[in-house]
PDB file of all heavy atoms in Angstrom:
ATOM      1  N   LYS A   1     108.409  86.214  76.891  1.00  0.00           N
ATOM      2  CA  LYS A   1     107.586  85.834  75.746  1.00  0.00           C
ATOM      3  C   LYS A   1     106.971  84.457  75.960  1.00  0.00           C
ATOM      4  O   LYS A   1     107.629  83.503  76.341  1.00  0.00           O
ATOM      5  CB  LYS A   1     108.429  85.838  74.472  1.00  0.00           C
ATOM      6  CG  LYS A   1     107.590  85.770  73.203  1.00  0.00           C
ATOM      7  CD  LYS A   1     108.459  85.963  71.983  1.00  0.00           C
ATOM      8  CE  LYS A   1     107.632  86.004  70.711  1.00  0.00           C
ATOM      9  NZ  LYS A   1     106.766  87.179  70.648  1.00  0.00           N
ATOM     10  N   GLY A   2     105.678  84.374  75.739  1.00  0.00           N
ATOM     11  CA  GLY A   2     104.955  83.129  75.923  1.00  0.00           C
ATOM     12  C   GLY A   2     104.401  82.952  77.321  1.00  0.00           C
ATOM     13  O   GLY A   2     103.519  82.117  77.534  1.00  0.00           O
ATOM     14  N   ARG A   3     104.914  83.722  78.287  1.00  0.00           N
ATOM     15  CA  ARG A   3     104.414  83.626  79.660  1.00  0.00           C
ATOM     16  C   ARG A   3     103.850  84.955  80.148  1.00  0.00           C
ATOM     17  O   ARG A   3     102.800  85.003  80.768  1.00  0.00           O
ATOM     18  CB  ARG A   3     105.527  83.144  80.598  1.00  0.00           C
ATOM     19  CG  ARG A   3     106.040  81.758  80.284  1.00  0.00           C
ATOM     20  CD  ARG A   3     106.920  81.203  81.389  1.00  0.00           C
ATOM     21  NE  ARG A   3     108.060  82.055  81.679  1.00  0.00           N
ATOM     22  CZ  ARG A   3     109.205  82.014  80.998  1.00  0.00           C
ATOM     23  NH1 ARG A   3     109.340  81.192  79.983  1.00  0.00           N
ATOM     24  NH2 ARG A   3     110.216  82.801  81.326  1.00  0.00           N
ATOM     25  N   ASN A   4     104.576  86.027  79.890  1.00  0.00           N
ATOM     26  CA  ASN A   4     104.093  87.365  80.211  1.00  0.00           C
ATOM     27  C   ASN A   4     104.448  88.248  79.018  1.00  0.00           C
ATOM     28  O   ASN A   4     105.621  88.570  78.815  1.00  0.00           O
ATOM     29  CB  ASN A   4     104.740  87.903  81.492  1.00  0.00           C
ATOM     30  CG  ASN A   4     104.108  89.222  81.931  1.00  0.00           C
ATOM     31  OD1 ASN A   4     102.906  89.410  81.810  1.00  0.00           O
ATOM     32  ND2 ASN A   4     104.927  90.120  82.453  1.00  0.00           N
ATOM     33  N   GLU A   5     103.461  88.611  78.228  1.00  0.00           N
ATOM     34  CA  GLU A   5     103.706  89.270  76.954  1.00  0.00           C
ATOM     35  C   GLU A   5     103.986  90.769  77.094  1.00  0.00           C
ATOM     36  O   GLU A   5     104.033  91.485  76.099  1.00  0.00           O
ATOM     37  CB  GLU A   5     102.522  89.062  76.006  1.00  0.00           C
ATOM     38  CG  GLU A   5     102.198  87.613  75.721  1.00  0.00           C
ATOM     39  CD  GLU A   5     103.268  86.897  74.887  1.00  0.00           C
ATOM     40  OE1 GLU A   5     104.200  87.581  74.419  1.00  0.00           O
ATOM     41  OE2 GLU A   5     103.169  85.681  74.716  1.00  0.00           O
ATOM     42  N   GLY A   6     104.135  91.235  78.333  1.00  0.00           N
ATOM     43  CA  GLY A   6     104.456  92.629  78.581  1.00  0.00           C
ATOM     44  C   GLY A   6     105.188  92.757  79.901  1.00  0.00           C
ATOM     45  O   GLY A   6     105.829  91.814  80.361  1.00  0.00           O
ATOM     46  N   ILE A   7     105.080  93.914  80.518  1.00  0.00           N
ATOM     47  CA  ILE A   7     105.674  94.131  81.834  1.00  0.00           C
ATOM     48  C   ILE A   7     104.590  94.640  82.777  1.00  0.00           C
ATOM     49  O   ILE A   7     103.629  95.268  82.345  1.00  0.00           O
ATOM     50  CB  ILE A   7     106.840  95.141  81.781  1.00  0.00           C
ATOM     51  CG1 ILE A   7     106.384  96.481  81.191  1.00  0.00           C
ATOM     52  CG2 ILE A   7     108.008  94.564  80.995  1.00  0.00           C
ATOM     53  CD1 ILE A   7     107.456  97.560  81.218  1.00  0.00           C
ATOM     54  N   ASP A   8     104.743  94.338  84.057  1.00  0.00           N
ATOM     55  CA  ASP A   8     103.847  94.856  85.079  1.00  0.00           C
ATOM     56  C   ASP A   8     104.602  95.923  85.864  1.00  0.00           C
ATOM     57  O   ASP A   8     105.657  95.639  86.455  1.00  0.00           O
ATOM     58  CB  ASP A   8     103.376  93.738  86.007  1.00  0.00           C
ATOM     59  CG  ASP A   8     102.517  92.709  85.289  1.00  0.00           C
ATOM     60  OD1 ASP A   8     101.990  93.041  84.203  1.00  0.00           O
ATOM     61  OD2 ASP A   8     102.389  91.581  85.791  1.00  0.00           O
ATOM     62  N   ILE A   9     104.088  97.130  85.858  1.00  0.00           N
ATOM     63  CA  ILE A   9     104.739  98.263  86.531  1.00  0.00           C
ATOM     64  C   ILE A   9     103.945  98.583  87.793  1.00  0.00           C
ATOM     65  O   ILE A   9     102.755  98.922  87.721  1.00  0.00           O
ATOM     66  CB  ILE A   9     104.785  99.497  85.610  1.00  0.00           C
ATOM     67  CG1 ILE A   9     105.441  99.151  84.267  1.00  0.00           C
ATOM     68  CG2 ILE A   9     105.524 100.637  86.289  1.00  0.00           C
ATOM     69  CD1 ILE A   9     105.369 100.273  83.240  1.00  0.00           C
ATOM     70  N   GLY A  10     104.582  98.465  88.945  1.00  0.00           N
ATOM     71  CA  GLY A  10     103.903  98.756  90.202  1.00  0.00           C
ATOM     72  C   GLY A  10     103.555 100.234  90.310  1.00  0.00           C
ATOM     73  O   GLY A  10     104.412 101.090  90.074  1.00  0.00           O
ATOM     74  N   ALA A  11     102.300 100.529  90.641  1.00  0.00           N
ATOM     75  CA  ALA A  11     101.845 101.920  90.768  1.00  0.00           C
ATOM     76  C   ALA A  11     100.611 101.933  91.663  1.00  0.00           C
ATOM     77  O   ALA A  11      99.795 101.015  91.607  1.00  0.00           O
ATOM     78  CB  ALA A  11     101.517 102.519  89.399  1.00  0.00           C
ATOM     79  N   PRO A  12     100.456 102.975  92.485  1.00  0.00           N
ATOM     80  CA  PRO A  12      99.282 103.039  93.360  1.00  0.00           C
ATOM     81  C   PRO A  12      97.979 103.111  92.558  1.00  0.00           C
ATOM     82  O   PRO A  12      97.946 103.656  91.447  1.00  0.00           O
ATOM     83  CB  PRO A  12      99.512 104.339  94.158  1.00  0.00           C
ATOM     84  CG  PRO A  12     100.970 104.615  94.041  1.00  0.00           C
ATOM     85  CD  PRO A  12     101.382 104.105  92.698  1.00  0.00           C
ATOM     86  N   ALA A  13      96.936 102.562  93.135  1.00  0.00           N
ATOM     87  CA  ALA A  13      95.621 102.651  92.498  1.00  0.00           C
ATOM     88  C   ALA A  13      95.244 104.112  92.304  1.00  0.00           C
ATOM     89  O   ALA A  13      95.475 104.952  93.169  1.00  0.00           O
ATOM     90  CB  ALA A  13      94.575 101.951  93.367  1.00  0.00           C
ATOM     91  N   GLY A  14      94.699 104.427  91.151  1.00  0.00           N
ATOM     92  CA  GLY A  14      94.306 105.788  90.842  1.00  0.00           C
ATOM     93  C   GLY A  14      95.366 106.593  90.112  1.00  0.00           C
ATOM     94  O   GLY A  14      95.104 107.720  89.681  1.00  0.00           O
ATOM     95  N   THR A  15      96.576 106.005  89.948  1.00  0.00           N
ATOM     96  CA  THR A  15      97.628 106.707  89.217  1.00  0.00           C
ATOM     97  C   THR A  15      97.202 106.914  87.760  1.00  0.00           C
ATOM     98  O   THR A  15      96.661 106.002  87.131  1.00  0.00           O
ATOM     99  CB  THR A  15      98.937 105.892  89.253  1.00  0.00           C
ATOM    100  OG1 THR A  15      99.354 105.742  90.606  1.00  0.00           O
ATOM    101  CG2 THR A  15     100.031 106.577  88.453  1.00  0.00           C
ATOM    102  N   ALA A  16      97.447 108.109  87.241  1.00  0.00           N
ATOM    103  CA  ALA A  16      97.094 108.387  85.849  1.00  0.00           C
ATOM    104  C   ALA A  16      97.970 107.567  84.913  1.00  0.00           C
ATOM    105  O   ALA A  16      99.187 107.485  85.098  1.00  0.00           O
ATOM    106  CB  ALA A  16      97.259 109.873  85.544  1.00  0.00           C
ATOM    107  N   VAL A  17      97.344 106.965  83.912  1.00  0.00           N
ATOM    108  CA  VAL A  17      98.047 106.185  82.892  1.00  0.00           C
ATOM    109  C   VAL A  17      98.170 107.056  81.647  1.00  0.00           C
ATOM    110  O   VAL A  17      97.162 107.568  81.139  1.00  0.00           O
ATOM    111  CB  VAL A  17      97.293 104.886  82.564  1.00  0.00           C
ATOM    112  CG1 VAL A  17      97.988 104.129  81.439  1.00  0.00           C
ATOM    113  CG2 VAL A  17      97.180 104.019  83.812  1.00  0.00           C
ATOM    114  N   ARG A  18      99.385 107.220  81.138  1.00  0.00           N
ATOM    115  CA  ARG A  18      99.638 108.092  79.991  1.00  0.00           C
ATOM    116  C   ARG A  18      99.814 107.265  78.716  1.00  0.00           C
ATOM    117  O   ARG A  18     100.351 106.144  78.764  1.00  0.00           O
ATOM    118  CB  ARG A  18     100.903 108.912  80.210  1.00  0.00           C
ATOM    119  CG  ARG A  18     100.879 109.789  81.453  1.00  0.00           C
ATOM    120  CD  ARG A  18     102.158 110.599  81.564  1.00  0.00           C
ATOM    121  NE  ARG A  18     103.340 109.737  81.706  1.00  0.00           N
ATOM    122  CZ  ARG A  18     104.589 110.170  81.623  1.00  0.00           C
ATOM    123  NH1 ARG A  18     104.823 111.455  81.384  1.00  0.00           N
ATOM    124  NH2 ARG A  18     105.606 109.342  81.773  1.00  0.00           N
ATOM    125  N   ALA A  19      99.366 107.822  77.596  1.00  0.00           N
ATOM    126  CA  ALA A  19      99.627 107.194  76.300  1.00  0.00           C
ATOM    127  C   ALA A  19     101.124 107.250  76.040  1.00  0.00           C
ATOM    128  O   ALA A  19     101.749 108.305  76.167  1.00  0.00           O
ATOM    129  CB  ALA A  19      98.864 107.911  75.192  1.00  0.00           C
ATOM    130  N   ALA A  20     101.697 106.105  75.659  1.00  0.00           N
ATOM    131  CA  ALA A  20     103.137 106.049  75.466  1.00  0.00           C
ATOM    132  C   ALA A  20     103.594 106.857  74.263  1.00  0.00           C
ATOM    133  O   ALA A  20     104.749 107.266  74.189  1.00  0.00           O
ATOM    134  CB  ALA A  20     103.592 104.596  75.313  1.00  0.00           C
ATOM    135  N   ASP A  21     102.686 107.094  73.314  1.00  0.00           N
ATOM    136  CA  ASP A  21     103.018 107.916  72.150  1.00  0.00           C
ATOM    137  C   ASP A  21     101.705 108.324  71.488  1.00  0.00           C
ATOM    138  O   ASP A  21     100.624 107.811  71.835  1.00  0.00           O
ATOM    139  CB  ASP A  21     103.896 107.120  71.171  1.00  0.00           C
ATOM    140  CG  ASP A  21     104.616 108.028  70.169  1.00  0.00           C
ATOM    141  OD1 ASP A  21     104.580 109.262  70.359  1.00  0.00           O
ATOM    142  OD2 ASP A  21     105.207 107.507  69.220  1.00  0.00           O
ATOM    143  N   ALA A  22     101.785 109.230  70.540  1.00  0.00           N
ATOM    144  CA  ALA A  22     100.590 109.633  69.790  1.00  0.00           C
ATOM    145  C   ALA A  22     100.079 108.453  68.973  1.00  0.00           C
ATOM    146  O   ALA A  22     100.851 107.615  68.499  1.00  0.00           O
ATOM    147  CB  ALA A  22     100.934 110.801  68.872  1.00  0.00           C
ATOM    148  N   GLY A  23      98.781 108.384  68.805  1.00  0.00           N
ATOM    149  CA  GLY A  23      98.195 107.291  68.039  1.00  0.00           C
ATOM    150  C   GLY A  23      96.692 107.362  68.047  1.00  0.00           C
ATOM    151  O   GLY A  23      96.096 108.394  68.388  1.00  0.00           O
ATOM    152  N   THR A  24      96.072 106.250  67.697  1.00  0.00           N
ATOM    153  CA  THR A  24      94.613 106.138  67.624  1.00  0.00           C
ATOM    154  C   THR A  24      94.164 104.975  68.486  1.00  0.00           C
ATOM    155  O   THR A  24      94.771 103.894  68.450  1.00  0.00           O
ATOM    156  CB  THR A  24      94.152 105.898  66.170  1.00  0.00           C
ATOM    157  OG1 THR A  24      94.633 106.956  65.346  1.00  0.00           O
ATOM    158  CG2 THR A  24      92.637 105.845  66.080  1.00  0.00           C
ATOM    159  N   VAL A  25      93.093 105.161  69.250  1.00  0.00           N
ATOM    160  CA  VAL A  25      92.559 104.090  70.076  1.00  0.00           C
ATOM    161  C   VAL A  25      91.939 103.040  69.155  1.00  0.00           C
ATOM    162  O   VAL A  25      90.960 103.294  68.463  1.00  0.00           O
ATOM    163  CB  VAL A  25      91.513 104.616  71.073  1.00  0.00           C
ATOM    164  CG1 VAL A  25      90.912 103.456  71.864  1.00  0.00           C
ATOM    165  CG2 VAL A  25      92.141 105.633  72.010  1.00  0.00           C
ATOM    166  N   ALA A  26      92.554 101.859  69.125  1.00  0.00           N
ATOM    167  CA  ALA A  26      92.100 100.793  68.235  1.00  0.00           C
ATOM    168  C   ALA A  26      91.054  99.907  68.887  1.00  0.00           C
ATOM    169  O   ALA A  26      90.220  99.329  68.196  1.00  0.00           O
ATOM    170  CB  ALA A  26      93.289  99.940  67.792  1.00  0.00           C
ATOM    171  N   ALA A  27      91.074  99.770  70.203  1.00  0.00           N
ATOM    172  CA  ALA A  27      90.103  98.901  70.879  1.00  0.00           C
ATOM    173  C   ALA A  27      89.997  99.290  72.338  1.00  0.00           C
ATOM    174  O   ALA A  27      90.986  99.652  72.979  1.00  0.00           O
ATOM    175  CB  ALA A  27      90.524  97.438  70.756  1.00  0.00           C
ATOM    176  N   VAL A  28      88.778  99.199  72.846  1.00  0.00           N
ATOM    177  CA  VAL A  28      88.506  99.296  74.278  1.00  0.00           C
ATOM    178  C   VAL A  28      87.595  98.124  74.589  1.00  0.00           C
ATOM    179  O   VAL A  28      86.485  98.030  74.073  1.00  0.00           O
ATOM    180  CB  VAL A  28      87.820 100.623  74.659  1.00  0.00           C
ATOM    181  CG1 VAL A  28      87.444 100.608  76.141  1.00  0.00           C
ATOM    182  CG2 VAL A  28      88.714 101.814  74.344  1.00  0.00           C
ATOM    183  N   THR A  29      88.076  97.210  75.412  1.00  0.00           N
ATOM    184  CA  THR A  29      87.299  96.016  75.710  1.00  0.00           C
ATOM    185  C   THR A  29      87.560  95.622  77.158  1.00  0.00           C
ATOM    186  O   THR A  29      88.096  96.412  77.938  1.00  0.00           O
ATOM    187  CB  THR A  29      87.656  94.879  74.729  1.00  0.00           C
ATOM    188  OG1 THR A  29      86.825  93.743  74.986  1.00  0.00           O
ATOM    189  CG2 THR A  29      89.112  94.479  74.840  1.00  0.00           C
TER     190      THR A  29
END
């Protein structure tokens, strides 16, 4: 907290990213 507000998960480029749960897209920027 205060330095890295999340986690970085190593994954090859092009790996599909899945929605962690059902929801609504609030922002794309």
